[in-house]
């Protein structure tokens, strides 16, 4: 994921008030375009595409919020 793609995804989630979400981007000749944002991203796809376990990040975020 490029820095531009990451910035678009983070900005979209922030504007929608999401701590966690799945952001779909489309590639165009002018760069990445936001397609949609899902509040319930698919864990398996995230793990495969990003190489992270999203559950670990969600649990850490919940612990912070409850502390």
PDB file of N, CA and C in Angstrom:
ATOM      1  N   UNK A   1       0.848  -1.159   0.000  1.00  0.00           N
ATOM      2  CA  UNK A   1       0.000   0.000   0.000  1.00  0.00           C
ATOM      3  C   UNK A   1       0.902   1.233   0.000  1.00  0.00           C
ATOM      4  N   UNK A   2       0.598   2.163  -0.884  1.00  0.00           N
ATOM      5  CA  UNK A   2       1.400   3.381  -0.968  1.00  0.00           C
ATOM      6  C   UNK A   2       1.012   4.355   0.144  1.00  0.00           C
ATOM      7  N   UNK A   3       1.840   5.349   0.340  1.00  0.00           N
ATOM      8  CA  UNK A   3       1.546   6.375   1.345  1.00  0.00           C
ATOM      9  C   UNK A   3       0.257   7.112   0.990  1.00  0.00           C
ATOM     10  N   UNK A   4       0.033   7.359  -0.296  1.00  0.00           N
ATOM     11  CA  UNK A   4      -1.186   8.046  -0.731  1.00  0.00           C
ATOM     12  C   UNK A   4      -2.423   7.199  -0.451  1.00  0.00           C
ATOM     13  N   UNK A   5      -2.346   5.903  -0.739  1.00  0.00           N
ATOM     14  CA  UNK A   5      -3.469   5.006  -0.473  1.00  0.00           C
ATOM     15  C   UNK A   5      -3.766   4.933   1.019  1.00  0.00           C
ATOM     16  N   UNK A   6      -2.738   4.844   1.819  1.00  0.00           N
ATOM     17  CA  UNK A   6      -2.904   4.802   3.269  1.00  0.00           C
ATOM     18  C   UNK A   6      -3.554   6.080   3.778  1.00  0.00           C
ATOM     19  N   UNK A   7      -3.120   7.223   3.268  1.00  0.00           N
ATOM     20  CA  UNK A   7      -3.682   8.507   3.693  1.00  0.00           C
ATOM     21  C   UNK A   7      -5.162   8.603   3.338  1.00  0.00           C
ATOM     22  N   UNK A   8      -5.530   8.139   2.156  1.00  0.00           N
ATOM     23  CA  UNK A   8      -6.939   8.157   1.740  1.00  0.00           C
ATOM     24  C   UNK A   8      -7.769   7.270   2.660  1.00  0.00           C
ATOM     25  N   UNK A   9      -7.280   6.061   2.935  1.00  0.00           N
ATOM     26  CA  UNK A   9      -8.017   5.120   3.780  1.00  0.00           C
ATOM     27  C   UNK A   9      -8.181   5.650   5.200  1.00  0.00           C
ATOM     28  N   UNK A  10      -7.104   6.163   5.772  1.00  0.00           N
ATOM     29  CA  UNK A  10      -7.173   6.693   7.139  1.00  0.00           C
ATOM     30  C   UNK A  10      -8.087   7.903   7.219  1.00  0.00           C
ATOM     31  N   UNK A  11      -8.022   8.775   6.230  1.00  0.00           N
ATOM     32  CA  UNK A  11      -8.873   9.961   6.207  1.00  0.00           C
ATOM     33  C   UNK A  11     -10.349   9.578   6.098  1.00  0.00           C
ATOM     34  N   UNK A  12     -10.655   8.603   5.250  1.00  0.00           N
ATOM     35  CA  UNK A  12     -12.039   8.163   5.080  1.00  0.00           C
ATOM     36  C   UNK A  12     -12.596   7.603   6.386  1.00  0.00           C
ATOM     37  N   UNK A  13     -11.828   6.757   7.061  1.00  0.00           N
ATOM     38  CA  UNK A  13     -12.282   6.182   8.332  1.00  0.00           C
ATOM     39  C   UNK A  13     -12.448   7.268   9.389  1.00  0.00           C
ATOM     40  N   UNK A  14     -11.513   8.197   9.436  1.00  0.00           N
ATOM     41  CA  UNK A  14     -11.590   9.282  10.417  1.00  0.00           C
ATOM     42  C   UNK A  14     -12.835  10.133  10.188  1.00  0.00           C
ATOM     43  N   UNK A  15     -13.111  10.480   8.943  1.00  0.00           N
ATOM     44  CA  UNK A  15     -14.280  11.309   8.633  1.00  0.00           C
ATOM     45  C   UNK A  15     -15.588  10.610   8.961  1.00  0.00           C
ATOM     46  N   UNK A  16     -15.583   9.284   8.917  1.00  0.00           N
ATOM     47  CA  UNK A  16     -16.779   8.516   9.242  1.00  0.00           C
ATOM     48  C   UNK A  16     -16.837   8.107  10.708  1.00  0.00           C
ATOM     49  N   UNK A  17     -15.831   8.498  11.479  1.00  0.00           N
ATOM     50  CA  UNK A  17     -15.809   8.173  12.902  1.00  0.00           C
ATOM     51  C   UNK A  17     -15.516   6.714  13.188  1.00  0.00           C
ATOM     52  N   UNK A  18     -14.787   6.059  12.296  1.00  0.00           N
ATOM     53  CA  UNK A  18     -14.480   4.639  12.470  1.00  0.00           C
ATOM     54  C   UNK A  18     -13.082   4.445  13.033  1.00  0.00           C
ATOM     55  N   UNK A  19     -12.967   3.617  14.046  1.00  0.00           N
ATOM     56  CA  UNK A  19     -11.656   3.205  14.544  1.00  0.00           C
ATOM     57  C   UNK A  19     -11.123   2.043  13.716  1.00  0.00           C
ATOM     58  N   UNK A  20     -12.012   1.364  13.016  1.00  0.00           N
ATOM     59  CA  UNK A  20     -11.668   0.175  12.253  1.00  0.00           C
ATOM     60  C   UNK A  20     -12.586   0.106  11.044  1.00  0.00           C
ATOM     61  N   UNK A  21     -12.047  -0.173   9.891  1.00  0.00           N
ATOM     62  CA  UNK A  21     -12.883  -0.293   8.706  1.00  0.00           C
ATOM     63  C   UNK A  21     -12.117  -0.878   7.543  1.00  0.00           C
ATOM     64  N   UNK A  22     -12.855  -1.322   6.567  1.00  0.00           N
ATOM     65  CA  UNK A  22     -12.266  -1.815   5.330  1.00  0.00           C
ATOM     66  C   UNK A  22     -12.516  -0.795   4.240  1.00  0.00           C
ATOM     67  N   UNK A  23     -11.469  -0.340   3.604  1.00  0.00           N
ATOM     68  CA  UNK A  23     -11.579   0.700   2.589  1.00  0.00           C
ATOM     69  C   UNK A  23     -11.205   0.106   1.238  1.00  0.00           C
ATOM     70  N   UNK A  24     -12.107   0.247   0.281  1.00  0.00           N
ATOM     71  CA  UNK A  24     -11.845  -0.228  -1.080  1.00  0.00           C
ATOM     72  C   UNK A  24     -11.415   0.950  -1.938  1.00  0.00           C
ATOM     73  N   UNK A  25     -10.281   0.779  -2.599  1.00  0.00           N
ATOM     74  CA  UNK A  25      -9.759   1.804  -3.494  1.00  0.00           C
ATOM     75  C   UNK A  25      -9.705   1.249  -4.911  1.00  0.00           C
ATOM     76  N   UNK A  26      -9.926   2.115  -5.878  1.00  0.00           N
ATOM     77  CA  UNK A  26      -9.782   1.763  -7.284  1.00  0.00           C
ATOM     78  C   UNK A  26      -8.590   2.519  -7.837  1.00  0.00           C
ATOM     79  N   UNK A  27      -7.873   1.896  -8.742  1.00  0.00           N
ATOM     80  CA  UNK A  27      -6.738   2.560  -9.370  1.00  0.00           C
ATOM     81  C   UNK A  27      -7.203   3.224 -10.661  1.00  0.00           C
ATOM     82  N   UNK A  28      -6.822   4.479 -10.834  1.00  0.00           N
ATOM     83  CA  UNK A  28      -7.137   5.208 -12.059  1.00  0.00           C
ATOM     84  C   UNK A  28      -5.852   5.796 -12.623  1.00  0.00           C
ATOM     85  N   UNK A  29      -5.933   6.370 -13.803  1.00  0.00           N
ATOM     86  CA  UNK A  29      -4.746   6.982 -14.402  1.00  0.00           C
ATOM     87  C   UNK A  29      -4.279   8.179 -13.584  1.00  0.00           C
ATOM     88  N   UNK A  30      -5.177   8.737 -12.760  1.00  0.00           N
ATOM     89  CA  UNK A  30      -4.842   9.885 -11.919  1.00  0.00           C
ATOM     90  C   UNK A  30      -4.477   9.498 -10.493  1.00  0.00           C
ATOM     91  N   UNK A  31      -4.462   8.205 -10.205  1.00  0.00           N
ATOM     92  CA  UNK A  31      -4.129   7.748  -8.863  1.00  0.00           C
ATOM     93  C   UNK A  31      -5.291   7.016  -8.223  1.00  0.00           C
ATOM     94  N   UNK A  32      -5.151   6.656  -6.944  1.00  0.00           N
ATOM     95  CA  UNK A  32      -6.192   5.882  -6.268  1.00  0.00           C
ATOM     96  C   UNK A  32      -7.460   6.702  -6.029  1.00  0.00           C
ATOM     97  N   UNK A  33      -8.599   6.029  -6.162  1.00  0.00           N
ATOM     98  CA  UNK A  33      -9.905   6.633  -5.917  1.00  0.00           C
ATOM     99  C   UNK A  33     -10.627   5.837  -4.841  1.00  0.00           C
ATOM    100  N   UNK A  34     -11.294   6.526  -3.942  1.00  0.00           N
ATOM    101  CA  UNK A  34     -12.076   5.868  -2.899  1.00  0.00           C
ATOM    102  C   UNK A  34     -13.334   5.279  -3.516  1.00  0.00           C
ATOM    103  N   UNK A  35     -13.555   3.998  -3.314  1.00  0.00           N
ATOM    104  CA  UNK A  35     -14.736   3.318  -3.839  1.00  0.00           C
ATOM    105  C   UNK A  35     -15.794   3.177  -2.748  1.00  0.00           C
ATOM    106  N   UNK A  36     -15.410   2.585  -1.614  1.00  0.00           N
ATOM    107  CA  UNK A  36     -16.347   2.420  -0.506  1.00  0.00           C
ATOM    108  C   UNK A  36     -15.600   2.160   0.790  1.00  0.00           C
ATOM    109  N   UNK A  37     -16.321   2.381   1.893  1.00  0.00           N
ATOM    110  CA  UNK A  37     -15.783   2.113   3.226  1.00  0.00           C
ATOM    111  C   UNK A  37     -16.774   1.210   3.945  1.00  0.00           C
ATOM    112  N   UNK A  38     -16.270   0.125   4.510  1.00  0.00           N
ATOM    113  CA  UNK A  38     -17.105  -0.822   5.249  1.00  0.00           C
ATOM    114  C   UNK A  38     -16.697  -0.816   6.715  1.00  0.00           C
ATOM    115  N   UNK A  39     -17.672  -0.708   7.584  1.00  0.00           N
ATOM    116  CA  UNK A  39     -17.368  -0.699   9.018  1.00  0.00           C
ATOM    117  C   UNK A  39     -17.039  -2.089   9.542  1.00  0.00           C
ATOM    118  N   UNK A  40     -17.253  -3.105   8.735  1.00  0.00           N
ATOM    119  CA  UNK A  40     -16.963  -4.490   9.150  1.00  0.00           C
ATOM    120  C   UNK A  40     -16.086  -5.170   8.104  1.00  0.00           C
ATOM    121  N   UNK A  41     -14.829  -4.806   8.093  1.00  0.00           N
ATOM    122  CA  UNK A  41     -13.891  -5.375   7.125  1.00  0.00           C
ATOM    123  C   UNK A  41     -13.715  -6.876   7.354  1.00  0.00           C
ATOM    124  N   UNK A  42     -13.337  -7.586   6.325  1.00  0.00           N
ATOM    125  CA  UNK A  42     -13.132  -9.034   6.406  1.00  0.00           C
ATOM    126  C   UNK A  42     -11.748  -9.342   6.966  1.00  0.00           C
ATOM    127  N   UNK A  43     -11.710  -9.987   8.110  1.00  0.00           N
ATOM    128  CA  UNK A  43     -10.448 -10.272   8.798  1.00  0.00           C
ATOM    129  C   UNK A  43      -9.499 -11.106   7.946  1.00  0.00           C
ATOM    130  N   UNK A  44     -10.026 -12.111   7.266  1.00  0.00           N
ATOM    131  CA  UNK A  44      -9.156 -12.987   6.478  1.00  0.00           C
ATOM    132  C   UNK A  44      -8.473 -12.209   5.367  1.00  0.00           C
ATOM    133  N   UNK A  45      -9.215 -11.377   4.671  1.00  0.00           N
ATOM    134  CA  UNK A  45      -8.637 -10.576   3.590  1.00  0.00           C
ATOM    135  C   UNK A  45      -7.593  -9.611   4.136  1.00  0.00           C
ATOM    136  N   UNK A  46      -7.880  -8.987   5.268  1.00  0.00           N
ATOM    137  CA  UNK A  46      -6.907  -8.073   5.867  1.00  0.00           C
ATOM    138  C   UNK A  46      -5.629  -8.803   6.243  1.00  0.00           C
ATOM    139  N   UNK A  47      -5.775  -9.963   6.816  1.00  0.00           N
ATOM    140  CA  UNK A  47      -4.601 -10.741   7.219  1.00  0.00           C
ATOM    141  C   UNK A  47      -3.775 -11.122   5.990  1.00  0.00           C
ATOM    142  N   UNK A  48      -4.439 -11.545   4.929  1.00  0.00           N
ATOM    143  CA  UNK A  48      -3.728 -11.960   3.719  1.00  0.00           C
ATOM    144  C   UNK A  48      -3.108 -10.779   2.977  1.00  0.00           C
ATOM    145  N   UNK A  49      -3.841  -9.680   2.849  1.00  0.00           N
ATOM    146  CA  UNK A  49      -3.356  -8.534   2.075  1.00  0.00           C
ATOM    147  C   UNK A  49      -2.324  -7.698   2.815  1.00  0.00           C
ATOM    148  N   UNK A  50      -2.523  -7.529   4.115  1.00  0.00           N
ATOM    149  CA  UNK A  50      -1.670  -6.617   4.885  1.00  0.00           C
ATOM    150  C   UNK A  50      -0.639  -7.329   5.745  1.00  0.00           C
ATOM    151  N   UNK A  51      -0.817  -8.635   5.929  1.00  0.00           N
ATOM    152  CA  UNK A  51       0.133  -9.380   6.741  1.00  0.00           C
ATOM    153  C   UNK A  51       0.030  -9.093   8.226  1.00  0.00           C
ATOM    154  N   UNK A  52      -1.137  -8.637   8.670  1.00  0.00           N
ATOM    155  CA  UNK A  52      -1.357  -8.376  10.094  1.00  0.00           C
ATOM    156  C   UNK A  52      -2.607  -9.119  10.545  1.00  0.00           C
ATOM    157  N   UNK A  53      -2.703  -9.342  11.839  1.00  0.00           N
ATOM    158  CA  UNK A  53      -3.913  -9.924  12.408  1.00  0.00           C
ATOM    159  C   UNK A  53      -4.737  -8.771  12.970  1.00  0.00           C
ATOM    160  N   UNK A  54      -5.821  -8.378  12.299  1.00  0.00           N
ATOM    161  CA  UNK A  54      -6.601  -7.231  12.753  1.00  0.00           C
ATOM    162  C   UNK A  54      -7.178  -7.413  14.154  1.00  0.00           C
ATOM    163  N   UNK A  55      -7.425  -8.646  14.559  1.00  0.00           N
ATOM    164  CA  UNK A  55      -7.974  -8.885  15.898  1.00  0.00           C
ATOM    165  C   UNK A  55      -7.029  -8.366  16.976  1.00  0.00           C
ATOM    166  N   UNK A  56      -5.728  -8.528  16.772  1.00  0.00           N
ATOM    167  CA  UNK A  56      -4.755  -8.027  17.747  1.00  0.00           C
ATOM    168  C   UNK A  56      -4.872  -6.515  17.914  1.00  0.00           C
ATOM    169  N   UNK A  57      -5.052  -5.807  16.808  1.00  0.00           N
ATOM    170  CA  UNK A  57      -5.154  -4.349  16.849  1.00  0.00           C
ATOM    171  C   UNK A  57      -6.477  -3.893  17.478  1.00  0.00           C
ATOM    172  N   UNK A  58      -7.541  -4.616  17.198  1.00  0.00           N
ATOM    173  CA  UNK A  58      -8.840  -4.269  17.777  1.00  0.00           C
ATOM    174  C   UNK A  58      -8.820  -4.493  19.284  1.00  0.00           C
ATOM    175  N   UNK A  59      -8.253  -5.594  19.727  1.00  0.00           N
ATOM    176  CA  UNK A  59      -8.163  -5.876  21.164  1.00  0.00           C
ATOM    177  C   UNK A  59      -7.330  -4.815  21.867  1.00  0.00           C
ATOM    178  N   UNK A  60      -6.209  -4.435  21.274  1.00  0.00           N
ATOM    179  CA  UNK A  60      -5.366  -3.389  21.873  1.00  0.00           C
ATOM    180  C   UNK A  60      -6.127  -2.077  21.966  1.00  0.00           C
ATOM    181  N   UNK A  61      -6.883  -1.739  20.930  1.00  0.00           N
ATOM    182  CA  UNK A  61      -7.664  -0.491  20.920  1.00  0.00           C
ATOM    183  C   UNK A  61      -8.757  -0.526  21.991  1.00  0.00           C
ATOM    184  N   UNK A  62      -9.409  -1.664  22.141  1.00  0.00           N
ATOM    185  CA  UNK A  62     -10.439  -1.802  23.169  1.00  0.00           C
ATOM    186  C   UNK A  62      -9.849  -1.670  24.572  1.00  0.00           C
ATOM    187  N   UNK A  63      -8.689  -2.273  24.790  1.00  0.00           N
ATOM    188  CA  UNK A  63      -8.032  -2.164  26.097  1.00  0.00           C
ATOM    189  C   UNK A  63      -7.687  -0.715  26.413  1.00  0.00           C
ATOM    190  N   UNK A  64      -7.218   0.025  25.406  1.00  0.00           N
ATOM    191  CA  UNK A  64      -6.917   1.451  25.606  1.00  0.00           C
ATOM    192  C   UNK A  64      -8.177   2.220  25.983  1.00  0.00           C
ATOM    193  N   UNK A  65      -9.265   1.940  25.278  1.00  0.00           N
ATOM    194  CA  UNK A  65     -10.516   2.659  25.515  1.00  0.00           C
ATOM    195  C   UNK A  65     -11.092   2.362  26.896  1.00  0.00           C
ATOM    196  N   UNK A  66     -10.864   1.152  27.389  1.00  0.00           N
ATOM    197  CA  UNK A  66     -11.417   0.755  28.683  1.00  0.00           C
ATOM    198  C   UNK A  66     -10.502   1.084  29.864  1.00  0.00           C
ATOM    199  N   UNK A  67      -9.283   1.474  29.575  1.00  0.00           N
ATOM    200  CA  UNK A  67      -8.316   1.757  30.649  1.00  0.00           C
ATOM    201  C   UNK A  67      -8.622   3.070  31.349  1.00  0.00           C
TER     202      UNK A  67
END
